[in-house]
Amino acid sequence: MFRTVGDPQSIRAAMRAVVNGRGELQEMLHTPALRLEAMEGFETTVVSYTTDIPNFAGVWGKPFLIGPGSIHVAHTAEERIPKQQLLDAIGIYTRLTQKLLAGAL
């Protein structure tokens, strides 16, 4: 598994050279790096992990990646968030919903 932030062609070429007919090389999934839009009034950041958002190809509309908790325990048996972050998230989701309904995009 490789996670890239740019064009994966050099990694693909290197893997083909290493395998060189001695085995089977198959790419299972390629999720490109992406830049999501920001909404005024909400904090943004740049992160070095991926999301499944590109795989949905926009079928659910404009995506936002937002939520409480730490990526360091997300989707693991240790996934948890402090109660205060959960309470703060209620306010964030309420504001986001109000802006979306008001057409603030």
Foldseek 3Di string as FASTA:
>chain_A
DDDDADDCVVVVVVVCVVCVVVDDDDDDDDDYDDDADDAPPDDDDDDRDDDCVVVVVQPVHRDDDDADFDPVCPPHPPGDGDPVRVVVRVVVVVVVVVCVVVVRD
